[in-house]
Full PDB file with SEQRES, HELIX, SHEET, SSBOND, CRYST1, ORIGX, SCALE, CONECT and MASTER records, all heavy atoms in Angstrom:
SEQRES   1 A   41  GLN VAL LYS LEU VAL GLU SER GLY GLY GLY LEU VAL GLN          
SEQRES   2 A   41  PRO GLY GLY SER LEU ARG LEU SER CYS VAL ALA SER GLY          
SEQRES   3 A   41  SER ILE PHE TYR ILE ASN ARG MET GLY TRP TYR ARG GLN          
SEQRES   4 A   41  ALA PRO                                                      
SHEET    1 AA1 2 VAL A   2  SER A   7  0                                        
SHEET    2 AA1 2 SER A  21  GLY A  26 -1                                        
CRYST1    1.000    1.000    1.000  90.00  90.00  90.00 P 1           1          
ORIGX1      1.000000  0.000000  0.000000        0.00000                         
ORIGX2      0.000000  1.000000  0.000000        0.00000                         
ORIGX3      0.000000  0.000000  1.000000        0.00000                         
SCALE1      1.000000  0.000000  0.000000        0.00000                         
SCALE2      0.000000  1.000000  0.000000        0.00000                         
SCALE3      0.000000  0.000000  1.000000        0.00000                         
ATOM      1  N   GLN A   1      28.780  -1.432-142.065  1.00  0.00           N  
ATOM      2  CA  GLN A   1      28.919  -2.865-141.927  1.00  0.00           C  
ATOM      3  C   GLN A   1      30.359  -3.236-141.614  1.00  0.00           C  
ATOM      4  O   GLN A   1      31.284  -2.530-142.005  1.00  0.00           O  
ATOM      5  CB  GLN A   1      28.477  -3.587-143.209  1.00  0.00           C  
ATOM      6  CG  GLN A   1      26.994  -3.516-143.481  1.00  0.00           C  
ATOM      7  CD  GLN A   1      26.203  -4.363-142.492  1.00  0.00           C  
ATOM      8  OE1 GLN A   1      26.710  -5.365-141.989  1.00  0.00           O  
ATOM      9  NE2 GLN A   1      24.976  -3.947-142.215  1.00  0.00           N  
ATOM     10  N   VAL A   2      30.518  -4.336-140.899  1.00  0.00           N  
ATOM     11  CA  VAL A   2      31.820  -4.875-140.559  1.00  0.00           C  
ATOM     12  C   VAL A   2      31.940  -6.256-141.170  1.00  0.00           C  
ATOM     13  O   VAL A   2      31.029  -7.087-141.047  1.00  0.00           O  
ATOM     14  CB  VAL A   2      32.029  -4.941-139.039  1.00  0.00           C  
ATOM     15  CG1 VAL A   2      33.309  -5.699-138.703  1.00  0.00           C  
ATOM     16  CG2 VAL A   2      32.080  -3.537-138.452  1.00  0.00           C  
ATOM     17  N   LYS A   3      33.060  -6.510-141.816  1.00  0.00           N  
ATOM     18  CA  LYS A   3      33.353  -7.819-142.373  1.00  0.00           C  
ATOM     19  C   LYS A   3      34.454  -8.471-141.557  1.00  0.00           C  
ATOM     20  O   LYS A   3      35.478  -7.844-141.280  1.00  0.00           O  
ATOM     21  CB  LYS A   3      33.781  -7.708-143.839  1.00  0.00           C  
ATOM     22  CG  LYS A   3      34.080  -9.037-144.502  1.00  0.00           C  
ATOM     23  CD  LYS A   3      34.489  -8.842-145.949  1.00  0.00           C  
ATOM     24  CE  LYS A   3      34.805 -10.160-146.627  1.00  0.00           C  
ATOM     25  NZ  LYS A   3      35.236  -9.967-148.040  1.00  0.00           N  
ATOM     26  N   LEU A   4      34.242  -9.712-141.185  1.00  0.00           N  
ATOM     27  CA  LEU A   4      35.212 -10.477-140.419  1.00  0.00           C  
ATOM     28  C   LEU A   4      35.685 -11.644-141.270  1.00  0.00           C  
ATOM     29  O   LEU A   4      34.874 -12.449-141.731  1.00  0.00           O  
ATOM     30  CB  LEU A   4      34.604 -10.993-139.121  1.00  0.00           C  
ATOM     31  CG  LEU A   4      33.993  -9.939-138.190  1.00  0.00           C  
ATOM     32  CD1 LEU A   4      33.325 -10.607-136.990  1.00  0.00           C  
ATOM     33  CD2 LEU A   4      35.060  -8.958-137.723  1.00  0.00           C  
ATOM     34  N   VAL A   5      36.989 -11.729-141.479  1.00  0.00           N  
ATOM     35  CA  VAL A   5      37.583 -12.775-142.296  1.00  0.00           C  
ATOM     36  C   VAL A   5      38.461 -13.638-141.416  1.00  0.00           C  
ATOM     37  O   VAL A   5      39.438 -13.154-140.838  1.00  0.00           O  
ATOM     38  CB  VAL A   5      38.396 -12.193-143.467  1.00  0.00           C  
ATOM     39  CG1 VAL A   5      39.016 -13.312-144.289  1.00  0.00           C  
ATOM     40  CG2 VAL A   5      37.514 -11.319-144.340  1.00  0.00           C  
ATOM     41  N   GLU A   6      38.126 -14.913-141.324  1.00  0.00           N  
ATOM     42  CA  GLU A   6      38.802 -15.847-140.450  1.00  0.00           C  
ATOM     43  C   GLU A   6      39.725 -16.762-141.237  1.00  0.00           C  
ATOM     44  O   GLU A   6      39.474 -17.054-142.411  1.00  0.00           O  
ATOM     45  CB  GLU A   6      37.776 -16.695-139.688  1.00  0.00           C  
ATOM     46  CG  GLU A   6      36.827 -15.870-138.843  1.00  0.00           C  
ATOM     47  CD  GLU A   6      35.551 -16.606-138.521  1.00  0.00           C  
ATOM     48  OE1 GLU A   6      34.995 -17.248-139.436  1.00  0.00           O  
ATOM     49  OE2 GLU A   6      35.124 -16.547-137.350  1.00  0.00           O  
ATOM     50  N   SER A   7      40.749 -17.239-140.565  1.00  0.00           N  
ATOM     51  CA  SER A   7      41.653 -18.213-141.149  1.00  0.00           C  
ATOM     52  C   SER A   7      42.329 -18.992-140.034  1.00  0.00           C  
ATOM     53  O   SER A   7      42.318 -18.577-138.875  1.00  0.00           O  
ATOM     54  CB  SER A   7      42.700 -17.546-142.047  1.00  0.00           C  
ATOM     55  OG  SER A   7      43.513 -16.650-141.305  1.00  0.00           O  
ATOM     56  N   GLY A   8      42.919 -20.119-140.384  1.00  0.00           N  
ATOM     57  CA  GLY A   8      43.733 -20.868-139.446  1.00  0.00           C  
ATOM     58  C   GLY A   8      43.170 -22.184-138.969  1.00  0.00           C  
ATOM     59  O   GLY A   8      43.875 -22.944-138.295  1.00  0.00           O  
ATOM     60  N   GLY A   9      41.927 -22.483-139.288  1.00  0.00           N  
ATOM     61  CA  GLY A   9      41.355 -23.755-138.876  1.00  0.00           C  
ATOM     62  C   GLY A   9      41.952 -24.908-139.645  1.00  0.00           C  
ATOM     63  O   GLY A   9      42.645 -24.733-140.643  1.00  0.00           O  
ATOM     64  N   GLY A  10      41.686 -26.111-139.161  1.00  0.00           N  
ATOM     65  CA  GLY A  10      42.202 -27.286-139.832  1.00  0.00           C  
ATOM     66  C   GLY A  10      42.078 -28.525-138.985  1.00  0.00           C  
ATOM     67  O   GLY A  10      41.387 -28.541-137.960  1.00  0.00           O  
ATOM     68  N   LEU A  11      42.757 -29.570-139.421  1.00  0.00           N  
ATOM     69  CA  LEU A  11      42.772 -30.859-138.748  1.00  0.00           C  
ATOM     70  C   LEU A  11      44.108 -31.037-138.044  1.00  0.00           C  
ATOM     71  O   LEU A  11      45.165 -30.910-138.670  1.00  0.00           O  
ATOM     72  CB  LEU A  11      42.556 -31.988-139.761  1.00  0.00           C  
ATOM     73  CG  LEU A  11      42.717 -33.422-139.254  1.00  0.00           C  
ATOM     74  CD1 LEU A  11      41.657 -33.745-138.221  1.00  0.00           C  
ATOM     75  CD2 LEU A  11      42.663 -34.390-140.429  1.00  0.00           C  
ATOM     76  N   VAL A  12      44.051 -31.315-136.757  1.00  0.00           N  
ATOM     77  CA  VAL A  12      45.265 -31.544-135.976  1.00  0.00           C  
ATOM     78  C   VAL A  12      45.074 -32.751-135.073  1.00  0.00           C  
ATOM     79  O   VAL A  12      43.949 -33.134-134.743  1.00  0.00           O  
ATOM     80  CB  VAL A  12      45.662 -30.318-135.120  1.00  0.00           C  
ATOM     81  CG1 VAL A  12      45.998 -29.125-136.005  1.00  0.00           C  
ATOM     82  CG2 VAL A  12      44.551 -29.969-134.147  1.00  0.00           C  
ATOM     83  N   GLN A  13      46.186 -33.335-134.665  1.00  0.00           N  
ATOM     84  CA  GLN A  13      46.156 -34.435-133.716  1.00  0.00           C  
ATOM     85  C   GLN A  13      46.023 -33.918-132.293  1.00  0.00           C  
ATOM     86  O   GLN A  13      46.390 -32.772-132.002  1.00  0.00           O  
ATOM     87  CB  GLN A  13      47.420 -35.277-133.850  1.00  0.00           C  
ATOM     88  CG  GLN A  13      47.569 -35.969-135.191  1.00  0.00           C  
ATOM     89  CD  GLN A  13      48.795 -36.855-135.247  1.00  0.00           C  
ATOM     90  OE1 GLN A  13      49.548 -36.966-134.278  1.00  0.00           O  
ATOM     91  NE2 GLN A  13      49.007 -37.497-136.382  1.00  0.00           N  
ATOM     92  N   PRO A  14      45.494 -34.732-131.389  1.00  0.00           N  
ATOM     93  CA  PRO A  14      45.470 -34.324-129.986  1.00  0.00           C  
ATOM     94  C   PRO A  14      46.854 -33.903-129.505  1.00  0.00           C  
ATOM     95  O   PRO A  14      47.852 -34.553-129.809  1.00  0.00           O  
ATOM     96  CB  PRO A  14      44.980 -35.574-129.260  1.00  0.00           C  
ATOM     97  CG  PRO A  14      44.160 -36.288-130.286  1.00  0.00           C  
ATOM     98  CD  PRO A  14      44.861 -36.043-131.596  1.00  0.00           C  
ATOM     99  N   GLY A  15      46.887 -32.806-128.757  1.00  0.00           N  
ATOM    100  CA  GLY A  15      48.145 -32.251-128.296  1.00  0.00           C  
ATOM    101  C   GLY A  15      48.750 -31.234-129.233  1.00  0.00           C  
ATOM    102  O   GLY A  15      49.715 -30.550-128.859  1.00  0.00           O  
ATOM    103  N   GLY A  16      48.205 -31.108-130.422  1.00  0.00           N  
ATOM    104  CA  GLY A  16      48.713 -30.167-131.398  1.00  0.00           C  
ATOM    105  C   GLY A  16      48.241 -28.752-131.151  1.00  0.00           C  
ATOM    106  O   GLY A  16      47.527 -28.465-130.191  1.00  0.00           O  
ATOM    107  N   SER A  17      48.633 -27.861-132.057  1.00  0.00           N  
ATOM    108  CA  SER A  17      48.339 -26.441-131.916  1.00  0.00           C  
ATOM    109  C   SER A  17      47.803 -25.864-133.216  1.00  0.00           C  
ATOM    110  O   SER A  17      48.126 -26.334-134.310  1.00  0.00           O  
ATOM    111  CB  SER A  17      49.599 -25.662-131.522  1.00  0.00           C  
ATOM    112  OG  SER A  17      50.100 -26.074-130.268  1.00  0.00           O  
ATOM    113  N   LEU A  18      46.986 -24.840-133.079  1.00  0.00           N  
ATOM    114  CA  LEU A  18      46.510 -24.041-134.195  1.00  0.00           C  
ATOM    115  C   LEU A  18      46.464 -22.593-133.763  1.00  0.00           C  
ATOM    116  O   LEU A  18      46.263 -22.295-132.577  1.00  0.00           O  
ATOM    117  CB  LEU A  18      45.116 -24.464-134.652  1.00  0.00           C  
ATOM    118  CG  LEU A  18      44.956 -25.764-135.435  1.00  0.00           C  
ATOM    119  CD1 LEU A  18      43.474 -26.069-135.622  1.00  0.00           C  
ATOM    120  CD2 LEU A  18      45.652 -25.668-136.786  1.00  0.00           C  
ATOM    121  N   ARG A  19      46.620 -21.701-134.719  1.00  0.00           N  
ATOM    122  CA  ARG A  19      46.467 -20.278-134.474  1.00  0.00           C  
ATOM    123  C   ARG A  19      45.410 -19.729-135.416  1.00  0.00           C  
ATOM    124  O   ARG A  19      45.591 -19.732-136.631  1.00  0.00           O  
ATOM    125  CB  ARG A  19      47.780 -19.527-134.686  1.00  0.00           C  
ATOM    126  CG  ARG A  19      47.740 -18.071-134.209  1.00  0.00           C  
ATOM    127  CD  ARG A  19      48.919 -17.290-134.731  1.00  0.00           C  
ATOM    128  NE  ARG A  19      49.092 -16.013-134.048  1.00  0.00           N  
ATOM    129  CZ  ARG A  19      49.744 -14.973-134.559  1.00  0.00           C  
ATOM    130  NH1 ARG A  19      50.298 -15.057-135.761  1.00  0.00           N  
ATOM    131  NH2 ARG A  19      49.862 -13.854-133.862  1.00  0.00           N  
ATOM    132  N   LEU A  20      44.314 -19.261-134.847  1.00  0.00           N  
ATOM    133  CA  LEU A  20      43.244 -18.665-135.622  1.00  0.00           C  
ATOM    134  C   LEU A  20      43.440 -17.158-135.718  1.00  0.00           C  
ATOM    135  O   LEU A  20      43.882 -16.517-134.763  1.00  0.00           O  
ATOM    136  CB  LEU A  20      41.883 -18.951-134.985  1.00  0.00           C  
ATOM    137  CG  LEU A  20      41.543 -20.417-134.690  1.00  0.00           C  
ATOM    138  CD1 LEU A  20      40.132 -20.520-134.128  1.00  0.00           C  
ATOM    139  CD2 LEU A  20      41.702 -21.280-135.940  1.00  0.00           C  
ATOM    140  N   SER A  21      43.094 -16.611-136.870  1.00  0.00           N  
ATOM    141  CA  SER A  21      43.182 -15.176-137.091  1.00  0.00           C  
ATOM    142  C   SER A  21      41.845 -14.662-137.593  1.00  0.00           C  
ATOM    143  O   SER A  21      41.138 -15.350-138.324  1.00  0.00           O  
ATOM    144  CB  SER A  21      44.269 -14.840-138.119  1.00  0.00           C  
ATOM    145  OG  SER A  21      45.544 -15.258-137.685  1.00  0.00           O  
ATOM    146  N   CYS A  22      41.523 -13.442-137.217  1.00  0.00           N  
ATOM    147  CA  CYS A  22      40.306 -12.793-137.680  1.00  0.00           C  
ATOM    148  C   CYS A  22      40.623 -11.333-137.953  1.00  0.00           C  
ATOM    149  O   CYS A  22      41.026 -10.606-137.039  1.00  0.00           O  
ATOM    150  CB  CYS A  22      39.193 -12.914-136.642  1.00  0.00           C  
ATOM    151  SG  CYS A  22      37.675 -12.009-137.054  1.00  0.00           S  
ATOM    152  N   VAL A  23      40.432 -10.922-139.190  1.00  0.00           N  
ATOM    153  CA  VAL A  23      40.692  -9.554-139.603  1.00  0.00           C  
ATOM    154  C   VAL A  23      39.363  -8.839-139.812  1.00  0.00           C  
ATOM    155  O   VAL A  23      38.504  -9.328-140.558  1.00  0.00           O  
ATOM    156  CB  VAL A  23      41.532  -9.499-140.885  1.00  0.00           C  
ATOM    157  CG1 VAL A  23      41.783  -8.041-141.289  1.00  0.00           C  
ATOM    158  CG2 VAL A  23      42.852 -10.226-140.694  1.00  0.00           C  
ATOM    159  N   ALA A  24      39.197  -7.708-139.166  1.00  0.00           N  
ATOM    160  CA  ALA A  24      37.988  -6.909-139.295  1.00  0.00           C  
ATOM    161  C   ALA A  24      38.220  -5.757-140.263  1.00  0.00           C  
ATOM    162  O   ALA A  24      39.265  -5.100-140.234  1.00  0.00           O  
ATOM    163  CB  ALA A  24      37.557  -6.365-137.938  1.00  0.00           C  
ATOM    164  N   SER A  25      37.236  -5.515-141.104  1.00  0.00           N  
ATOM    165  CA  SER A  25      37.301  -4.400-142.035  1.00  0.00           C  
ATOM    166  C   SER A  25      35.936  -3.743-142.125  1.00  0.00           C  
ATOM    167  O   SER A  25      34.929  -4.314-141.714  1.00  0.00           O  
ATOM    168  CB  SER A  25      37.772  -4.853-143.416  1.00  0.00           C  
ATOM    169  OG  SER A  25      36.881  -5.792-143.984  1.00  0.00           O  
ATOM    170  N   GLY A  26      35.910  -2.533-142.665  1.00  0.00           N  
ATOM    171  CA  GLY A  26      34.674  -1.790-142.771  1.00  0.00           C  
ATOM    172  C   GLY A  26      34.575  -0.731-141.692  1.00  0.00           C  
ATOM    173  O   GLY A  26      35.553  -0.066-141.368  1.00  0.00           O  
ATOM    174  N   SER A  27      33.395  -0.599-141.115  1.00  0.00           N  
ATOM    175  CA  SER A  27      33.137   0.412-140.090  1.00  0.00           C  
ATOM    176  C   SER A  27      33.575  -0.102-138.728  1.00  0.00           C  
ATOM    177  O   SER A  27      32.749  -0.450-137.870  1.00  0.00           O  
ATOM    178  CB  SER A  27      31.658   0.794-140.090  1.00  0.00           C  
ATOM    179  OG  SER A  27      31.258   1.297-141.348  1.00  0.00           O  
ATOM    180  N   ILE A  28      34.876  -0.139-138.519  1.00  0.00           N  
ATOM    181  CA  ILE A  28      35.452  -0.788-137.341  1.00  0.00           C  
ATOM    182  C   ILE A  28      35.790   0.170-136.212  1.00  0.00           C  
ATOM    183  O   ILE A  28      36.236  -0.273-135.158  1.00  0.00           O  
ATOM    184  CB  ILE A  28      36.715  -1.592-137.735  1.00  0.00           C  
ATOM    185  CG1 ILE A  28      37.711  -0.734-138.525  1.00  0.00           C  
ATOM    186  CG2 ILE A  28      36.288  -2.797-138.578  1.00  0.00           C  
ATOM    187  CD1 ILE A  28      38.655   0.086-137.709  1.00  0.00           C  
ATOM    188  N   PHE A  29      35.549   1.441-136.393  1.00  0.00           N  
ATOM    189  CA  PHE A  29      36.053   2.430-135.446  1.00  0.00           C  
ATOM    190  C   PHE A  29      35.400   2.347-134.077  1.00  0.00           C  
ATOM    191  O   PHE A  29      36.022   2.729-133.077  1.00  0.00           O  
ATOM    192  CB  PHE A  29      35.884   3.835-136.021  1.00  0.00           C  
ATOM    193  CG  PHE A  29      36.577   4.032-137.329  1.00  0.00           C  
ATOM    194  CD1 PHE A  29      35.858   4.071-138.516  1.00  0.00           C  
ATOM    195  CD2 PHE A  29      37.950   4.161-137.377  1.00  0.00           C  
ATOM    196  CE1 PHE A  29      36.498   4.253-139.728  1.00  0.00           C  
ATOM    197  CE2 PHE A  29      38.607   4.338-138.581  1.00  0.00           C  
ATOM    198  CZ  PHE A  29      37.879   4.383-139.759  1.00  0.00           C  
ATOM    199  N   TYR A  30      34.174   1.870-133.995  1.00  0.00           N  
ATOM    200  CA  TYR A  30      33.456   1.826-132.732  1.00  0.00           C  
ATOM    201  C   TYR A  30      33.431   0.446-132.093  1.00  0.00           C  
ATOM    202  O   TYR A  30      32.804   0.266-131.050  1.00  0.00           O  
ATOM    203  CB  TYR A  30      32.023   2.324-132.924  1.00  0.00           C  
ATOM    204  CG  TYR A  30      31.963   3.763-133.365  1.00  0.00           C  
ATOM    205  CD1 TYR A  30      31.683   4.093-134.680  1.00  0.00           C  
ATOM    206  CD2 TYR A  30      32.200   4.787-132.453  1.00  0.00           C  
ATOM    207  CE1 TYR A  30      31.641   5.414-135.091  1.00  0.00           C  
ATOM    208  CE2 TYR A  30      32.156   6.112-132.855  1.00  0.00           C  
ATOM    209  CZ  TYR A  30      31.878   6.422-134.171  1.00  0.00           C  
ATOM    210  OH  TYR A  30      31.831   7.740-134.564  1.00  0.00           O  
ATOM    211  N   ILE A  31      34.114  -0.531-132.689  1.00  0.00           N  
ATOM    212  CA  ILE A  31      34.158  -1.870-132.114  1.00  0.00           C  
ATOM    213  C   ILE A  31      34.929  -1.850-130.804  1.00  0.00           C  
ATOM    214  O   ILE A  31      36.020  -1.293-130.718  1.00  0.00           O  
ATOM    215  CB  ILE A  31      34.787  -2.866-133.094  1.00  0.00           C  
ATOM    216  CG1 ILE A  31      33.856  -3.094-134.286  1.00  0.00           C  
ATOM    217  CG2 ILE A  31      35.097  -4.185-132.397  1.00  0.00           C  
ATOM    218  CD1 ILE A  31      34.440  -3.976-135.358  1.00  0.00           C  
ATOM    219  N   ASN A  32      34.349  -2.454-129.791  1.00  0.00           N  
ATOM    220  CA  ASN A  32      34.998  -2.538-128.487  1.00  0.00           C  
ATOM    221  C   ASN A  32      35.569  -3.927-128.224  1.00  0.00           C  
ATOM    222  O   ASN A  32      36.758  -4.077-127.960  1.00  0.00           O  
ATOM    223  CB  ASN A  32      34.020  -2.160-127.377  1.00  0.00           C  
ATOM    224  CG  ASN A  32      34.643  -2.300-125.998  1.00  0.00           C  
ATOM    225  OD1 ASN A  32      34.272  -3.184-125.226  1.00  0.00           O  
ATOM    226  ND2 ASN A  32      35.587  -1.422-125.687  1.00  0.00           N  
ATOM    227  N   ARG A  33      34.720  -4.937-128.292  1.00  0.00           N  
ATOM    228  CA  ARG A  33      35.129  -6.297-127.986  1.00  0.00           C  
ATOM    229  C   ARG A  33      35.246  -7.145-129.254  1.00  0.00           C  
ATOM    230  O   ARG A  33      34.412  -7.061-130.147  1.00  0.00           O  
ATOM    231  CB  ARG A  33      34.132  -6.970-127.051  1.00  0.00           C  
ATOM    232  CG  ARG A  33      34.082  -6.375-125.658  1.00  0.00           C  
ATOM    233  CD  ARG A  33      33.042  -7.087-124.804  1.00  0.00           C  
ATOM    234  NE  ARG A  33      32.998  -6.556-123.452  1.00  0.00           N  
ATOM    235  CZ  ARG A  33      33.717  -7.015-122.438  1.00  0.00           C  
ATOM    236  NH1 ARG A  33      34.552  -8.030-122.623  1.00  0.00           N  
ATOM    237  NH2 ARG A  33      33.602  -6.468-121.238  1.00  0.00           N  
ATOM    238  N   MET A  34      36.269  -7.960-129.301  1.00  0.00           N  
ATOM    239  CA  MET A  34      36.400  -8.986-130.311  1.00  0.00           C  
ATOM    240  C   MET A  34      36.708 -10.298-129.610  1.00  0.00           C  
ATOM    241  O   MET A  34      37.346 -10.306-128.556  1.00  0.00           O  
ATOM    242  CB  MET A  34      37.496  -8.663-131.325  1.00  0.00           C  
ATOM    243  CG  MET A  34      37.221  -7.423-132.150  1.00  0.00           C  
ATOM    244  SD  MET A  34      38.432  -7.163-133.474  1.00  0.00           S  
ATOM    245  CE  MET A  34      38.021  -8.533-134.573  1.00  0.00           C  
ATOM    246  N   GLY A  35      36.235 -11.376-130.191  1.00  0.00           N  
ATOM    247  CA  GLY A  35      36.470 -12.642-129.535  1.00  0.00           C  
ATOM    248  C   GLY A  35      36.153 -13.834-130.400  1.00  0.00           C  
ATOM    249  O   GLY A  35      35.870 -13.711-131.598  1.00  0.00           O  
ATOM    250  N   TRP A  36      36.226 -14.987-129.765  1.00  0.00           N  
ATOM    251  CA  TRP A  36      35.998 -16.259-130.431  1.00  0.00           C  
ATOM    252  C   TRP A  36      34.953 -17.061-129.678  1.00  0.00           C  
ATOM    253  O   TRP A  36      35.015 -17.190-128.449  1.00  0.00           O  
ATOM    254  CB  TRP A  36      37.293 -17.077-130.520  1.00  0.00           C  
ATOM    255  CG  TRP A  36      38.325 -16.450-131.407  1.00  0.00           C  
ATOM    256  CD1 TRP A  36      39.325 -15.617-131.043  1.00  0.00           C  
ATOM    257  CD2 TRP A  36      38.447 -16.632-132.814  1.00  0.00           C  
ATOM    258  NE1 TRP A  36      40.066 -15.250-132.132  1.00  0.00           N  
ATOM    259  CE2 TRP A  36      39.551 -15.861-133.236  1.00  0.00           C  
ATOM    260  CE3 TRP A  36      37.739 -17.363-133.765  1.00  0.00           C  
ATOM    261  CZ2 TRP A  36      39.958 -15.804-134.568  1.00  0.00           C  
ATOM    262  CZ3 TRP A  36      38.146 -17.305-135.087  1.00  0.00           C  
ATOM    263  CH2 TRP A  36      39.237 -16.539-135.474  1.00  0.00           C  
ATOM    264  N   TYR A  37      34.001 -17.577-130.433  1.00  0.00           N  
ATOM    265  CA  TYR A  37      33.013 -18.520-129.939  1.00  0.00           C  
ATOM    266  C   TYR A  37      33.187 -19.830-130.687  1.00  0.00           C  
ATOM    267  O   TYR A  37      33.808 -19.872-131.741  1.00  0.00           O  
ATOM    268  CB  TYR A  37      31.599 -17.985-130.157  1.00  0.00           C  
ATOM    269  CG  TYR A  37      31.217 -16.809-129.279  1.00  0.00           C  
ATOM    270  CD1 TYR A  37      31.788 -15.558-129.469  1.00  0.00           C  
ATOM    271  CD2 TYR A  37      30.268 -16.959-128.274  1.00  0.00           C  
ATOM    272  CE1 TYR A  37      31.434 -14.481-128.669  1.00  0.00           C  
ATOM    273  CE2 TYR A  37      29.903 -15.888-127.476  1.00  0.00           C  
ATOM    274  CZ  TYR A  37      30.492 -14.649-127.682  1.00  0.00           C  
ATOM    275  OH  TYR A  37      30.125 -13.585-126.889  1.00  0.00           O  
ATOM    276  N   ARG A  38      32.626 -20.880-130.153  1.00  0.00           N  
ATOM    277  CA  ARG A  38      32.644 -22.144-130.869  1.00  0.00           C  
ATOM    278  C   ARG A  38      31.311 -22.852-130.704  1.00  0.00           C  
ATOM    279  O   ARG A  38      30.596 -22.653-129.725  1.00  0.00           O  
ATOM    280  CB  ARG A  38      33.789 -23.040-130.403  1.00  0.00           C  
ATOM    281  CG  ARG A  38      33.659 -23.580-128.989  1.00  0.00           C  
ATOM    282  CD  ARG A  38      34.922 -24.338-128.612  1.00  0.00           C  
ATOM    283  NE  ARG A  38      34.847 -24.895-127.270  1.00  0.00           N  
ATOM    284  CZ  ARG A  38      35.872 -25.445-126.639  1.00  0.00           C  
ATOM    285  NH1 ARG A  38      37.065 -25.524-127.221  1.00  0.00           N  
ATOM    286  NH2 ARG A  38      35.703 -25.933-125.413  1.00  0.00           N  
ATOM    287  N   GLN A  39      31.003 -23.676-131.688  1.00  0.00           N  
ATOM    288  CA  GLN A  39      29.767 -24.433-131.665  1.00  0.00           C  
ATOM    289  C   GLN A  39      30.012 -25.814-132.263  1.00  0.00           C  
ATOM    290  O   GLN A  39      30.438 -25.930-133.410  1.00  0.00           O  
ATOM    291  CB  GLN A  39      28.666 -23.718-132.439  1.00  0.00           C  
ATOM    292  CG  GLN A  39      27.306 -24.368-132.296  1.00  0.00           C  
ATOM    293  CD  GLN A  39      26.179 -23.470-132.765  1.00  0.00           C  
ATOM    294  OE1 GLN A  39      26.385 -22.543-133.541  1.00  0.00           O  
ATOM    295  NE2 GLN A  39      24.983 -23.744-132.284  1.00  0.00           N  
ATOM    296  N   ALA A  40      29.756 -26.822-131.467  1.00  0.00           N  
ATOM    297  CA  ALA A  40      29.840 -28.197-131.911  1.00  0.00           C  
ATOM    298  C   ALA A  40      28.438 -28.702-132.217  1.00  0.00           C  
ATOM    299  O   ALA A  40      27.453 -28.189-131.671  1.00  0.00           O  
ATOM    300  CB  ALA A  40      30.505 -29.063-130.847  1.00  0.00           C  
ATOM    301  N   PRO A  41      28.314 -29.713-133.080  1.00  0.00           N  
ATOM    302  CA  PRO A  41      26.988 -30.244-133.401  1.00  0.00           C  
ATOM    303  C   PRO A  41      26.215 -30.658-132.155  1.00  0.00           C  
ATOM    304  O   PRO A  41      26.744 -31.350-131.283  1.00  0.00           O  
ATOM    305  CB  PRO A  41      27.299 -31.452-134.289  1.00  0.00           C  
ATOM    306  CG  PRO A  41      28.610 -31.122-134.920  1.00  0.00           C  
ATOM    307  CD  PRO A  41      29.369 -30.381-133.852  1.00  0.00           C  
TER     308      PRO A  41                                                      
MASTER        0    0    0    0    2    0    0    6  307    1    0    4          
END                                                                             
């Protein structure tokens, strides 16, 4: 199993910046692609 721990989200004003982080742990040796998706209501 692989565990993904995310951080960095929050509330910002238009024009602002955020940096998201995702740390993978567990059986990570065969992972090829990592990325970010988003979903709005």
